[in-house]
Amino acid sequence: MPDQGPLLVTGAAGFIGAHLCRELLAAGHQVLGVDSINDYYPVVIKHQRLDNLRQHDNFEFQQLELADAAAVADLFASRRPSLVCHLAAQAGVRHSLTHPHDYLRANIDGTLNILEGCRHNGQPRLVYASSSSVYGGNTKTPFAEADRVDNPVSLYAATKRADELMAHCYTHLFDMQTIGLRFFTVYGIWGRPDMAMWEFTERILDGRPIKVFNHGNMWRDFTHVSDIVAGIQGALFSPNLEAYEIFNLGNNRSEKLMDLIATIEAACGREAEKIMMDMQPGDVPATAAEISAAQAKLGFDPQTPISVGVPAFVEWYRSQPELAAAARAWRAAL
C-alpha cells in the first residue's frame, strides 16, 4: 500500500462522503475530495456540505466526472492517493427506471475508471460503496454476504452488483485489494432530499399528506450515517483484511415503516395524513443486515437507534430553511 499521497474520497459532496471527509479530517488525514456535483437533487445542499469541509486546511476538492477516463487517469497519476474510498454513484432506485443511462455512466464507467486508476498507480486499498439493493428479491432475512445476489429488481441494484463483480476481477487479475460495503438505508443530518426521511419530515411539517407504500407493510434496516462512517473507516484502516472482501453495514435491526413514521411524527409534533399505496416498481418489502463479519473484521458496532437519529434529523431540518425551500421547489418541479 502506498505510504504517501492524500486519501481520495469520491462523492465528497454527497451525503455519506461529506460525513466521511469530516471525520477523516478531524483525525488529521489529508483528504482529496472529488465530485461531479450533478443536479440530481439541489446542488445548494452539496455546495453547503463542501463549504463546511473547506474550513479544514487538509481538505482539497476537485470537480470531476468519474466517467471521464482521461481525467480520472490524470488525477491518479498526479496525486497517487494512499487510500481510495469510492462513494460516488448515481443513487435512487426509482430514478433508474426513467434515467438508465445515468447509472451506466456513473456506476459502471465511473467505477471502472477508479479501478483502472488504482491498478496503474500503486494499487492502494480501494473501499467502495455497494448497496443492500443487491439482495434484490431475496426473502430470507437477515441478508448475509454469502446469500445469492443474482436477482436484482432495479437497474440501480444491477449496477451495484456489477461494481462488486468488476472489483472481484481486478482483485484476481491485478493483485489489488478491494473492499465492498453494502449500505443499508442510511439516514441522518445533511441527508438526501429524495429519501423518505427528508420527504416525510418535509410533508408532515408542511401539513401535506405522505404516501405510504405497500400499505405500510415495509421493513427497513435504517442505519445512521455516523455508524456507516465508522464502518467505512474500519474498512479503510483495519489490518488483516483479505484481498477481496464484501461487508454488510446495517443497524442490525429492521424497523417497520409505520414505526419510523410514528417516530418522525413525534419529533415533528404533529400527525401525518397518510395515503396508502401499493408497492412501487423496483422496491422490496424488507431489508435486514447480518453484520457479524463487519463486527469481527472492521470493529463495526452500530450505536444509533431511530429513537435518537430521527429526532436529531428533524431538529437539523428545522434549522435549515434555505435547504428545505430548495428541496421543496425541486420536488414540486419533478
C-alpha atoms as a PDB file:
ATOM      1  CA  MET A   1       0.000   0.000   0.000  1.00  0.00           C
ATOM      2  CA  PRO A   2       1.399   3.455  -0.860  1.00  0.00           C
ATOM      3  CA  ASP A   3       2.505   5.485   2.140  1.00  0.00           C
ATOM      4  CA  GLN A   4       2.275   8.910   0.522  1.00  0.00           C
ATOM      5  CA  GLY A   5      -0.407  10.891  -1.214  1.00  0.00           C
ATOM      6  CA  PRO A   6      -3.803  12.023   0.039  1.00  0.00           C
ATOM      7  CA  LEU A   7      -6.726   9.851   0.949  1.00  0.00           C
ATOM      8  CA  LEU A   8      -9.067  10.110  -2.051  1.00  0.00           C
ATOM      9  CA  VAL A   9     -12.827  10.250  -1.415  1.00  0.00           C
ATOM     10  CA  THR A  10     -15.140  10.233  -4.428  1.00  0.00           C
ATOM     11  CA  GLY A  11     -18.609  11.625  -3.891  1.00  0.00           C
ATOM     12  CA  ALA A  12     -17.195  14.056  -1.330  1.00  0.00           C
ATOM     13  CA  ALA A  13     -20.082  16.495  -1.791  1.00  0.00           C
ATOM     14  CA  GLY A  14     -22.593  13.715  -1.215  1.00  0.00           C
ATOM     15  CA  PHE A  15     -24.365  12.756   1.976  1.00  0.00           C
ATOM     16  CA  ILE A  16     -22.114   9.939   3.184  1.00  0.00           C
ATOM     17  CA  GLY A  17     -18.988  11.298   1.509  1.00  0.00           C
ATOM     18  CA  ALA A  18     -19.172  14.647   3.288  1.00  0.00           C
ATOM     19  CA  HIS A  19     -19.642  12.975   6.668  1.00  0.00           C
ATOM     20  CA  LEU A  20     -16.700  10.664   5.993  1.00  0.00           C
ATOM     21  CA  CYS A  21     -14.442  13.535   4.909  1.00  0.00           C
ATOM     22  CA  ARG A  22     -15.284  15.450   8.086  1.00  0.00           C
ATOM     23  CA  GLU A  23     -14.261  12.515  10.282  1.00  0.00           C
ATOM     24  CA  LEU A  24     -11.084  11.827   8.307  1.00  0.00           C
ATOM     25  CA  LEU A  25     -10.072  15.483   8.539  1.00  0.00           C
ATOM     26  CA  ALA A  26     -10.767  15.530  12.265  1.00  0.00           C
ATOM     27  CA  ALA A  27      -8.389  12.569  12.577  1.00  0.00           C
ATOM     28  CA  GLY A  28      -5.633  14.520  10.809  1.00  0.00           C
ATOM     29  CA  HIS A  29      -5.734  12.939   7.348  1.00  0.00           C
ATOM     30  CA  GLN A  30      -5.008  14.796   4.134  1.00  0.00           C
ATOM     31  CA  VAL A  31      -8.196  14.386   2.097  1.00  0.00           C
ATOM     32  CA  LEU A  32      -8.683  14.927  -1.627  1.00  0.00           C
ATOM     33  CA  GLY A  33     -12.391  15.022  -2.425  1.00  0.00           C
ATOM     34  CA  VAL A  34     -13.867  14.734  -5.893  1.00  0.00           C
ATOM     35  CA  ASP A  35     -17.463  15.035  -7.016  1.00  0.00           C
ATOM     36  CA  SER A  36     -19.325  15.838 -10.228  1.00  0.00           C
ATOM     37  CA  ILE A  37     -21.878  17.978  -8.319  1.00  0.00           C
ATOM     38  CA  ASN A  38     -24.657  16.843 -10.636  1.00  0.00           C
ATOM     39  CA  ASP A  39     -28.176  18.229 -10.286  1.00  0.00           C
ATOM     40  CA  TYR A  40     -29.996  15.003  -9.390  1.00  0.00           C
ATOM     41  CA  TYR A  41     -31.092  16.961  -6.306  1.00  0.00           C
ATOM     42  CA  PRO A  42     -30.481  20.649  -5.421  1.00  0.00           C
ATOM     43  CA  VAL A  43     -26.793  21.495  -5.717  1.00  0.00           C
ATOM     44  CA  VAL A  44     -27.068  24.073  -2.923  1.00  0.00           C
ATOM     45  CA  ILE A  45     -27.063  21.150  -0.488  1.00  0.00           C
ATOM     46  CA  LYS A  46     -23.850  19.798  -1.987  1.00  0.00           C
ATOM     47  CA  HIS A  47     -22.182  23.197  -2.004  1.00  0.00           C
ATOM     48  CA  GLN A  48     -23.011  23.788   1.646  1.00  0.00           C
ATOM     49  CA  ARG A  49     -21.536  20.407   2.575  1.00  0.00           C
ATOM     50  CA  LEU A  50     -18.371  21.364   0.697  1.00  0.00           C
ATOM     51  CA  ASP A  51     -18.245  24.783   2.344  1.00  0.00           C
ATOM     52  CA  ASN A  52     -18.165  23.039   5.716  1.00  0.00           C
ATOM     53  CA  LEU A  53     -15.281  20.827   4.591  1.00  0.00           C
ATOM     54  CA  ARG A  54     -13.287  23.710   3.138  1.00  0.00           C
ATOM     55  CA  GLN A  55     -12.870  25.102   6.644  1.00  0.00           C
ATOM     56  CA  HIS A  56     -10.197  22.412   7.119  1.00  0.00           C
ATOM     57  CA  ASP A  57      -6.701  23.157   5.812  1.00  0.00           C
ATOM     58  CA  ASN A  58      -6.158  19.469   4.944  1.00  0.00           C
ATOM     59  CA  PHE A  59      -9.101  19.336   2.530  1.00  0.00           C
ATOM     60  CA  GLU A  60      -8.741  19.789  -1.215  1.00  0.00           C
ATOM     61  CA  PHE A  61     -11.573  19.487  -3.730  1.00  0.00           C
ATOM     62  CA  GLN A  62     -11.747  18.855  -7.461  1.00  0.00           C
ATOM     63  CA  GLN A  63     -14.939  18.795  -9.503  1.00  0.00           C
ATOM     64  CA  LEU A  64     -14.636  15.778 -11.769  1.00  0.00           C
ATOM     65  CA  GLU A  65     -16.792  13.437 -13.837  1.00  0.00           C
ATOM     66  CA  LEU A  66     -15.621   9.935 -12.996  1.00  0.00           C
ATOM     67  CA  ALA A  67     -16.935   8.680 -16.338  1.00  0.00           C
ATOM     68  CA  ASP A  68     -14.207  10.808 -17.963  1.00  0.00           C
ATOM     69  CA  ALA A  69     -11.465   8.184 -18.196  1.00  0.00           C
ATOM     70  CA  ALA A  70      -8.702  10.605 -19.151  1.00  0.00           C
ATOM     71  CA  ALA A  71      -9.486  12.998 -16.291  1.00  0.00           C
ATOM     72  CA  VAL A  72      -9.526  10.177 -13.730  1.00  0.00           C
ATOM     73  CA  ALA A  73      -6.260   8.765 -15.087  1.00  0.00           C
ATOM     74  CA  ASP A  74      -4.652  12.198 -14.787  1.00  0.00           C
ATOM     75  CA  LEU A  75      -5.913  12.581 -11.217  1.00  0.00           C
ATOM     76  CA  PHE A  76      -4.420   9.275 -10.107  1.00  0.00           C
ATOM     77  CA  ALA A  77      -1.141   9.787 -11.939  1.00  0.00           C
ATOM     78  CA  SER A  78      -0.592  13.263 -10.488  1.00  0.00           C
ATOM     79  CA  ARG A  79      -1.759  12.617  -6.918  1.00  0.00           C
ATOM     80  CA  ARG A  80      -1.150   8.877  -6.361  1.00  0.00           C
ATOM     81  CA  PRO A  81      -3.572   8.528  -3.435  1.00  0.00           C
ATOM     82  CA  SER A  82      -2.557   6.376  -0.477  1.00  0.00           C
ATOM     83  CA  LEU A  83      -6.111   5.064   0.035  1.00  0.00           C
ATOM     84  CA  VAL A  84      -9.244   5.336  -2.092  1.00  0.00           C
ATOM     85  CA  CYS A  85     -12.830   5.441  -0.853  1.00  0.00           C
ATOM     86  CA  HIS A  86     -15.189   5.363  -3.819  1.00  0.00           C
ATOM     87  CA  LEU A  87     -18.625   6.579  -2.725  1.00  0.00           C
ATOM     88  CA  ALA A  88     -19.658   8.478  -5.861  1.00  0.00           C
ATOM     89  CA  ALA A  89     -22.629   6.953  -7.661  1.00  0.00           C
ATOM     90  CA  GLN A  90     -25.920   7.820  -9.251  1.00  0.00           C
ATOM     91  CA  ALA A  91     -28.308   6.987  -6.443  1.00  0.00           C
ATOM     92  CA  GLY A  92     -32.028   6.297  -6.368  1.00  0.00           C
ATOM     93  CA  VAL A  93     -33.909   3.152  -7.293  1.00  0.00           C
ATOM     94  CA  ARG A  94     -36.876   4.871  -8.935  1.00  0.00           C
ATOM     95  CA  HIS A  95     -34.740   7.343 -10.885  1.00  0.00           C
ATOM     96  CA  SER A  96     -33.040   4.351 -12.520  1.00  0.00           C
ATOM     97  CA  LEU A  97     -36.369   3.377 -14.099  1.00  0.00           C
ATOM     98  CA  THR A  98     -36.503   6.635 -16.058  1.00  0.00           C
ATOM     99  CA  HIS A  99     -32.832   7.611 -16.470  1.00  0.00           C
ATOM    100  CA  PRO A 100     -30.988   4.306 -17.009  1.00  0.00           C
ATOM    101  CA  HIS A 101     -28.031   5.773 -18.892  1.00  0.00           C
ATOM    102  CA  ASP A 102     -27.110   7.921 -15.873  1.00  0.00           C
ATOM    103  CA  TYR A 103     -26.471   4.735 -13.932  1.00  0.00           C
ATOM    104  CA  LEU A 104     -24.268   3.130 -16.541  1.00  0.00           C
ATOM    105  CA  ARG A 105     -22.103   6.240 -16.846  1.00  0.00           C
ATOM    106  CA  ALA A 106     -21.745   6.952 -13.128  1.00  0.00           C
ATOM    107  CA  ASN A 107     -21.879   3.498 -11.571  1.00  0.00           C
ATOM    108  CA  ILE A 108     -20.254   1.333 -14.240  1.00  0.00           C
ATOM    109  CA  ASP A 109     -17.943   3.601 -16.244  1.00  0.00           C
ATOM    110  CA  GLY A 110     -17.037   5.653 -13.170  1.00  0.00           C
ATOM    111  CA  THR A 111     -16.168   2.609 -11.080  1.00  0.00           C
ATOM    112  CA  LEU A 112     -14.177   1.048 -13.919  1.00  0.00           C
ATOM    113  CA  ASN A 113     -12.110   4.231 -14.190  1.00  0.00           C
ATOM    114  CA  ILE A 114     -11.444   4.184 -10.429  1.00  0.00           C
ATOM    115  CA  LEU A 115     -10.319   0.559 -10.657  1.00  0.00           C
ATOM    116  CA  GLU A 116      -8.002   1.439 -13.538  1.00  0.00           C
ATOM    117  CA  GLY A 117      -6.610   4.382 -11.590  1.00  0.00           C
ATOM    118  CA  CYS A 118      -5.788   2.146  -8.635  1.00  0.00           C
ATOM    119  CA  ARG A 119      -4.340  -0.546 -10.896  1.00  0.00           C
ATOM    120  CA  HIS A 120      -1.849   1.773 -12.577  1.00  0.00           C
ATOM    121  CA  ASN A 121      -0.893   3.982  -9.622  1.00  0.00           C
ATOM    122  CA  GLY A 122       0.435   1.993  -6.702  1.00  0.00           C
ATOM    123  CA  GLN A 123      -2.613  -0.220  -6.146  1.00  0.00           C
ATOM    124  CA  PRO A 124      -3.898   1.480  -2.976  1.00  0.00           C
ATOM    125  CA  ARG A 125      -6.583  -0.281  -0.957  1.00  0.00           C
ATOM    126  CA  LEU A 126      -9.911   0.511  -2.601  1.00  0.00           C
ATOM    127  CA  VAL A 127     -13.017   0.713  -0.421  1.00  0.00           C
ATOM    128  CA  TYR A 128     -16.186   1.175  -2.458  1.00  0.00           C
ATOM    129  CA  ALA A 129     -19.887   1.596  -1.790  1.00  0.00           C
ATOM    130  CA  SER A 130     -22.232  -1.173  -2.772  1.00  0.00           C
ATOM    131  CA  SER A 131     -25.821  -1.414  -1.566  1.00  0.00           C
ATOM    132  CA  SER A 132     -28.293  -3.645   0.215  1.00  0.00           C
ATOM    133  CA  SER A 133     -30.303  -3.444  -3.008  1.00  0.00           C
ATOM    134  CA  VAL A 134     -28.071  -6.167  -4.489  1.00  0.00           C
ATOM    135  CA  TYR A 135     -30.060  -8.697  -2.434  1.00  0.00           C
ATOM    136  CA  GLY A 136     -32.985  -7.948  -4.745  1.00  0.00           C
ATOM    137  CA  GLY A 137     -35.920 -10.288  -4.378  1.00  0.00           C
ATOM    138  CA  ASN A 138     -34.385 -12.356  -1.570  1.00  0.00           C
ATOM    139  CA  THR A 139     -36.957 -13.225   1.067  1.00  0.00           C
ATOM    140  CA  LYS A 140     -34.692 -14.745   3.730  1.00  0.00           C
ATOM    141  CA  THR A 141     -33.715 -12.202   6.362  1.00  0.00           C
ATOM    142  CA  PRO A 142     -31.390 -11.049   7.671  1.00  0.00           C
ATOM    143  CA  PHE A 143     -29.386 -10.736   4.470  1.00  0.00           C
ATOM    144  CA  ALA A 144     -25.927 -12.293   4.730  1.00  0.00           C
ATOM    145  CA  GLU A 145     -22.958 -11.627   2.469  1.00  0.00           C
ATOM    146  CA  ALA A 146     -22.962 -15.275   1.315  1.00  0.00           C
ATOM    147  CA  ASP A 147     -26.586 -15.083   0.103  1.00  0.00           C
ATOM    148  CA  ARG A 148     -27.318 -15.178  -3.623  1.00  0.00           C
ATOM    149  CA  VAL A 149     -27.341 -11.775  -5.289  1.00  0.00           C
ATOM    150  CA  ASP A 150     -28.343 -12.727  -8.831  1.00  0.00           C
ATOM    151  CA  ASN A 151     -31.943 -11.458  -8.832  1.00  0.00           C
ATOM    152  CA  PRO A 152     -31.811  -7.629  -8.789  1.00  0.00           C
ATOM    153  CA  VAL A 153     -35.149  -5.845  -9.126  1.00  0.00           C
ATOM    154  CA  SER A 154     -33.828  -2.443 -10.257  1.00  0.00           C
ATOM    155  CA  LEU A 155     -31.147  -1.218 -12.624  1.00  0.00           C
ATOM    156  CA  TYR A 156     -29.535   0.608  -9.698  1.00  0.00           C
ATOM    157  CA  ALA A 157     -29.132  -2.727  -7.909  1.00  0.00           C
ATOM    158  CA  ALA A 158     -27.762  -4.346 -11.058  1.00  0.00           C
ATOM    159  CA  THR A 159     -25.091  -1.659 -11.419  1.00  0.00           C
ATOM    160  CA  LYS A 160     -24.052  -2.036  -7.781  1.00  0.00           C
ATOM    161  CA  ARG A 161     -23.694  -5.797  -8.215  1.00  0.00           C
ATOM    162  CA  ALA A 162     -21.706  -5.149 -11.389  1.00  0.00           C
ATOM    163  CA  ASP A 163     -19.342  -2.974  -9.337  1.00  0.00           C
ATOM    164  CA  GLU A 164     -18.736  -5.900  -6.978  1.00  0.00           C
ATOM    165  CA  LEU A 165     -18.012  -8.226  -9.903  1.00  0.00           C
ATOM    166  CA  MET A 166     -15.643  -5.774 -11.549  1.00  0.00           C
ATOM    167  CA  ALA A 167     -13.806  -5.354  -8.251  1.00  0.00           C
ATOM    168  CA  HIS A 168     -13.504  -9.129  -7.990  1.00  0.00           C
ATOM    169  CA  CYS A 169     -11.981  -9.321 -11.467  1.00  0.00           C
ATOM    170  CA  TYR A 170      -9.430  -6.604 -10.743  1.00  0.00           C
ATOM    171  CA  THR A 171      -8.511  -8.177  -7.412  1.00  0.00           C
ATOM    172  CA  HIS A 172      -7.928 -11.522  -9.117  1.00  0.00           C
ATOM    173  CA  LEU A 173      -6.177 -10.256 -12.233  1.00  0.00           C
ATOM    174  CA  PHE A 174      -4.020  -7.449 -10.871  1.00  0.00           C
ATOM    175  CA  ASP A 175      -3.284  -8.384  -7.254  1.00  0.00           C
ATOM    176  CA  MET A 176      -5.335  -5.471  -5.886  1.00  0.00           C
ATOM    177  CA  GLN A 177      -7.237  -5.154  -2.625  1.00  0.00           C
ATOM    178  CA  THR A 178     -10.907  -4.172  -2.925  1.00  0.00           C
ATOM    179  CA  ILE A 179     -13.357  -3.895  -0.025  1.00  0.00           C
ATOM    180  CA  GLY A 180     -17.055  -3.574  -0.874  1.00  0.00           C
ATOM    181  CA  LEU A 181     -19.579  -2.219   1.619  1.00  0.00           C
ATOM    182  CA  ARG A 182     -23.281  -2.928   1.261  1.00  0.00           C
ATOM    183  CA  PHE A 183     -25.031   0.036   2.897  1.00  0.00           C
ATOM    184  CA  PHE A 184     -28.492  -0.386   4.390  1.00  0.00           C
ATOM    185  CA  THR A 185     -30.877   2.644   4.231  1.00  0.00           C
ATOM    186  CA  VAL A 186     -28.578   5.367   5.510  1.00  0.00           C
ATOM    187  CA  TYR A 187     -30.098   8.471   7.115  1.00  0.00           C
ATOM    188  CA  GLY A 188     -29.016  11.456   9.188  1.00  0.00           C
ATOM    189  CA  ILE A 189     -28.338  15.184   9.050  1.00  0.00           C
ATOM    190  CA  TRP A 190     -27.241  16.606   5.704  1.00  0.00           C
ATOM    191  CA  GLY A 191     -29.110  13.702   4.102  1.00  0.00           C
ATOM    192  CA  ARG A 192     -30.589  13.409   0.620  1.00  0.00           C
ATOM    193  CA  PRO A 193     -33.970  15.043  -0.109  1.00  0.00           C
ATOM    194  CA  ASP A 194     -35.014  12.154  -2.372  1.00  0.00           C
ATOM    195  CA  MET A 195     -35.105   9.768   0.592  1.00  0.00           C
ATOM    196  CA  ALA A 196     -38.129   9.027   2.744  1.00  0.00           C
ATOM    197  CA  MET A 197     -36.722  10.574   5.930  1.00  0.00           C
ATOM    198  CA  TRP A 198     -36.443  14.013   4.348  1.00  0.00           C
ATOM    199  CA  GLU A 199     -39.686  13.837   2.325  1.00  0.00           C
ATOM    200  CA  PHE A 200     -41.773  12.605   5.245  1.00  0.00           C
ATOM    201  CA  THR A 201     -40.384  15.308   7.529  1.00  0.00           C
ATOM    202  CA  GLU A 202     -40.965  17.999   4.903  1.00  0.00           C
ATOM    203  CA  ARG A 203     -44.542  16.958   4.242  1.00  0.00           C
ATOM    204  CA  ILE A 204     -45.526  16.443   7.867  1.00  0.00           C
ATOM    205  CA  LEU A 205     -44.209  19.857   8.887  1.00  0.00           C
ATOM    206  CA  ASP A 206     -45.928  21.445   5.861  1.00  0.00           C
ATOM    207  CA  GLY A 207     -49.233  19.732   6.696  1.00  0.00           C
ATOM    208  CA  ARG A 208     -49.247  17.787   3.435  1.00  0.00           C
ATOM    209  CA  PRO A 209     -50.075  14.082   3.108  1.00  0.00           C
ATOM    210  CA  ILE A 210     -47.405  11.405   2.785  1.00  0.00           C
ATOM    211  CA  LYS A 211     -47.543   8.361   0.524  1.00  0.00           C
ATOM    212  CA  VAL A 212     -47.101   5.090   2.403  1.00  0.00           C
ATOM    213  CA  PHE A 213     -46.169   2.300   0.011  1.00  0.00           C
ATOM    214  CA  ASN A 214     -47.170  -1.339   0.326  1.00  0.00           C
ATOM    215  CA  HIS A 215     -49.829  -0.056   2.752  1.00  0.00           C
ATOM    216  CA  GLY A 216     -47.155   0.357   5.407  1.00  0.00           C
ATOM    217  CA  ASN A 217     -46.043  -3.288   5.313  1.00  0.00           C
ATOM    218  CA  MET A 218     -42.418  -2.377   4.729  1.00  0.00           C
ATOM    219  CA  TRP A 219     -39.365  -3.065   6.882  1.00  0.00           C
ATOM    220  CA  ARG A 220     -36.020  -1.323   6.590  1.00  0.00           C
ATOM    221  CA  ASP A 221     -32.701  -1.587   8.403  1.00  0.00           C
ATOM    222  CA  PHE A 222     -32.366   2.173   8.968  1.00  0.00           C
ATOM    223  CA  THR A 223     -28.699   2.916   9.654  1.00  0.00           C
ATOM    224  CA  HIS A 224     -27.432   6.232  10.989  1.00  0.00           C
ATOM    225  CA  VAL A 225     -24.740   7.916   8.928  1.00  0.00           C
ATOM    226  CA  SER A 226     -22.381   8.120  11.912  1.00  0.00           C
ATOM    227  CA  ASP A 227     -22.427   4.328  12.178  1.00  0.00           C
ATOM    228  CA  ILE A 228     -21.880   3.952   8.435  1.00  0.00           C
ATOM    229  CA  VAL A 229     -18.880   6.291   8.570  1.00  0.00           C
ATOM    230  CA  ALA A 230     -17.393   4.292  11.437  1.00  0.00           C
ATOM    231  CA  GLY A 231     -17.767   1.159   9.316  1.00  0.00           C
ATOM    232  CA  ILE A 232     -16.109   2.817   6.327  1.00  0.00           C
ATOM    233  CA  GLN A 233     -13.175   3.863   8.484  1.00  0.00           C
ATOM    234  CA  GLY A 234     -12.862   0.274   9.651  1.00  0.00           C
ATOM    235  CA  ALA A 235     -12.699  -0.844   6.029  1.00  0.00           C
ATOM    236  CA  LEU A 236     -10.070   1.785   5.215  1.00  0.00           C
ATOM    237  CA  PHE A 237      -7.743   1.145   8.137  1.00  0.00           C
ATOM    238  CA  SER A 238      -8.353  -2.316   9.599  1.00  0.00           C
ATOM    239  CA  PRO A 239      -5.372  -4.660   9.213  1.00  0.00           C
ATOM    240  CA  ASN A 240      -5.539  -8.271   8.080  1.00  0.00           C
ATOM    241  CA  LEU A 241      -8.349  -7.902   5.566  1.00  0.00           C
ATOM    242  CA  GLU A 242      -8.423 -10.300   2.631  1.00  0.00           C
ATOM    243  CA  ALA A 243      -7.672  -9.100  -0.876  1.00  0.00           C
ATOM    244  CA  TYR A 244     -11.380  -9.207  -1.771  1.00  0.00           C
ATOM    245  CA  GLU A 245     -13.995  -8.612   0.897  1.00  0.00           C
ATOM    246  CA  ILE A 246     -17.653  -7.612   0.996  1.00  0.00           C
ATOM    247  CA  PHE A 247     -19.369  -6.491   4.197  1.00  0.00           C
ATOM    248  CA  ASN A 248     -22.889  -5.540   5.180  1.00  0.00           C
ATOM    249  CA  LEU A 249     -23.126  -2.247   7.052  1.00  0.00           C
ATOM    250  CA  GLY A 250     -26.550  -2.021   8.671  1.00  0.00           C
ATOM    251  CA  ASN A 251     -28.042  -1.227  12.043  1.00  0.00           C
ATOM    252  CA  ASN A 252     -28.773  -4.928  12.557  1.00  0.00           C
ATOM    253  CA  ARG A 253     -32.338  -4.029  13.497  1.00  0.00           C
ATOM    254  CA  SER A 254     -35.076  -3.839  10.892  1.00  0.00           C
ATOM    255  CA  GLU A 255     -37.826  -1.319  11.647  1.00  0.00           C
ATOM    256  CA  LYS A 256     -41.387  -1.293  10.371  1.00  0.00           C
ATOM    257  CA  LEU A 257     -42.100   1.696   8.152  1.00  0.00           C
ATOM    258  CA  MET A 258     -45.086   2.687  10.271  1.00  0.00           C
ATOM    259  CA  ASP A 259     -42.832   2.830  13.347  1.00  0.00           C
ATOM    260  CA  LEU A 260     -40.448   5.144  11.513  1.00  0.00           C
ATOM    261  CA  ILE A 261     -43.361   7.389  10.542  1.00  0.00           C
ATOM    262  CA  ALA A 262     -44.583   7.456  14.148  1.00  0.00           C
ATOM    263  CA  THR A 263     -41.103   8.478  15.299  1.00  0.00           C
ATOM    264  CA  ILE A 264     -40.987  11.313  12.747  1.00  0.00           C
ATOM    265  CA  GLU A 265     -44.495  12.408  13.763  1.00  0.00           C
ATOM    266  CA  ALA A 266     -43.459  12.577  17.410  1.00  0.00           C
ATOM    267  CA  ALA A 267     -40.361  14.617  16.547  1.00  0.00           C
ATOM    268  CA  CYS A 268     -42.412  16.978  14.359  1.00  0.00           C
ATOM    269  CA  GLY A 269     -45.154  17.305  16.943  1.00  0.00           C
ATOM    270  CA  ARG A 270     -47.963  16.528  14.529  1.00  0.00           C
ATOM    271  CA  GLU A 271     -49.626  13.520  12.927  1.00  0.00           C
ATOM    272  CA  ALA A 272     -49.261  12.797   9.243  1.00  0.00           C
ATOM    273  CA  GLU A 273     -52.108  12.414   6.814  1.00  0.00           C
ATOM    274  CA  LYS A 274     -51.336   9.072   5.176  1.00  0.00           C
ATOM    275  CA  ILE A 275     -52.235   7.908   1.677  1.00  0.00           C
ATOM    276  CA  MET A 276     -51.829   4.151   1.482  1.00  0.00           C
ATOM    277  CA  MET A 277     -50.314   2.969  -1.801  1.00  0.00           C
ATOM    278  CA  ASP A 278     -49.334  -0.283  -3.483  1.00  0.00           C
ATOM    279  CA  MET A 279     -45.689  -1.344  -3.756  1.00  0.00           C
ATOM    280  CA  GLN A 280     -43.577   0.682  -6.183  1.00  0.00           C
ATOM    281  CA  PRO A 281     -41.725  -0.994  -9.083  1.00  0.00           C
ATOM    282  CA  GLY A 282     -38.142  -1.841  -8.156  1.00  0.00           C
ATOM    283  CA  ASP A 283     -38.818  -1.812  -4.410  1.00  0.00           C
ATOM    284  CA  VAL A 284     -38.600  -4.676  -1.930  1.00  0.00           C
ATOM    285  CA  PRO A 285     -40.747  -5.266   1.173  1.00  0.00           C
ATOM    286  CA  ALA A 286     -37.981  -5.820   3.715  1.00  0.00           C
ATOM    287  CA  THR A 287     -34.268  -5.403   4.324  1.00  0.00           C
ATOM    288  CA  ALA A 288     -32.220  -6.517   7.311  1.00  0.00           C
ATOM    289  CA  ALA A 289     -28.456  -6.833   7.682  1.00  0.00           C
ATOM    290  CA  GLU A 290     -26.481  -9.699   9.156  1.00  0.00           C
ATOM    291  CA  ILE A 291     -23.342  -7.897  10.345  1.00  0.00           C
ATOM    292  CA  SER A 292     -21.218 -10.472  12.186  1.00  0.00           C
ATOM    293  CA  ALA A 293     -18.408 -10.284   9.587  1.00  0.00           C
ATOM    294  CA  ALA A 294     -18.206  -6.482   9.837  1.00  0.00           C
ATOM    295  CA  GLN A 295     -18.271  -6.716  13.616  1.00  0.00           C
ATOM    296  CA  ALA A 296     -15.407  -9.204  13.656  1.00  0.00           C
ATOM    297  CA  LYS A 297     -13.155  -7.682  10.985  1.00  0.00           C
ATOM    298  CA  LEU A 298     -14.000  -3.973  10.958  1.00  0.00           C
ATOM    299  CA  GLY A 299     -14.923  -3.438  14.593  1.00  0.00           C
ATOM    300  CA  PHE A 300     -18.336  -2.320  13.352  1.00  0.00           C
ATOM    301  CA  ASP A 301     -20.703  -1.606  16.235  1.00  0.00           C
ATOM    302  CA  PRO A 302     -23.779   0.463  15.271  1.00  0.00           C
ATOM    303  CA  GLN A 303     -24.900   2.671  18.142  1.00  0.00           C
ATOM    304  CA  THR A 304     -27.770   4.868  16.947  1.00  0.00           C
ATOM    305  CA  PRO A 305     -31.419   3.711  17.046  1.00  0.00           C
ATOM    306  CA  ILE A 306     -34.113   5.636  15.178  1.00  0.00           C
ATOM    307  CA  SER A 307     -35.367   6.939  18.528  1.00  0.00           C
ATOM    308  CA  VAL A 308     -32.167   9.016  18.645  1.00  0.00           C
ATOM    309  CA  GLY A 309     -31.332   9.534  14.987  1.00  0.00           C
ATOM    310  CA  VAL A 310     -34.756  10.642  13.755  1.00  0.00           C
ATOM    311  CA  PRO A 311     -35.300  13.490  16.265  1.00  0.00           C
ATOM    312  CA  ALA A 312     -31.767  14.713  15.531  1.00  0.00           C
ATOM    313  CA  PHE A 313     -32.584  14.793  11.814  1.00  0.00           C
ATOM    314  CA  VAL A 314     -35.855  16.666  12.354  1.00  0.00           C
ATOM    315  CA  GLU A 315     -34.085  19.225  14.558  1.00  0.00           C
ATOM    316  CA  TRP A 316     -31.419  19.726  11.887  1.00  0.00           C
ATOM    317  CA  TYR A 317     -34.061  20.030   9.150  1.00  0.00           C
ATOM    318  CA  ARG A 318     -35.856  22.779  11.086  1.00  0.00           C
ATOM    319  CA  SER A 319     -32.543  24.667  11.317  1.00  0.00           C
ATOM    320  CA  GLN A 320     -32.045  24.661   7.512  1.00  0.00           C
ATOM    321  CA  PRO A 321     -34.857  26.721   5.945  1.00  0.00           C
ATOM    322  CA  GLU A 322     -32.811  27.535   2.822  1.00  0.00           C
ATOM    323  CA  LEU A 323     -32.098  23.881   2.085  1.00  0.00           C
ATOM    324  CA  ALA A 324     -35.677  22.899   2.926  1.00  0.00           C
ATOM    325  CA  ALA A 325     -37.010  25.507   0.485  1.00  0.00           C
ATOM    326  CA  ALA A 326     -34.650  24.334  -2.259  1.00  0.00           C
ATOM    327  CA  ALA A 327     -35.717  20.723  -1.774  1.00  0.00           C
ATOM    328  CA  ARG A 328     -39.399  21.692  -1.733  1.00  0.00           C
ATOM    329  CA  ALA A 329     -39.043  23.579  -5.025  1.00  0.00           C
ATOM    330  CA  TRP A 330     -37.046  20.732  -6.562  1.00  0.00           C
ATOM    331  CA  ARG A 331     -39.695  18.193  -5.573  1.00  0.00           C
ATOM    332  CA  ALA A 332     -42.514  20.343  -6.939  1.00  0.00           C
ATOM    333  CA  ALA A 333     -40.753  20.518 -10.313  1.00  0.00           C
ATOM    334  CA  LEU A 334     -40.336  16.747 -10.680  1.00  0.00           C
END
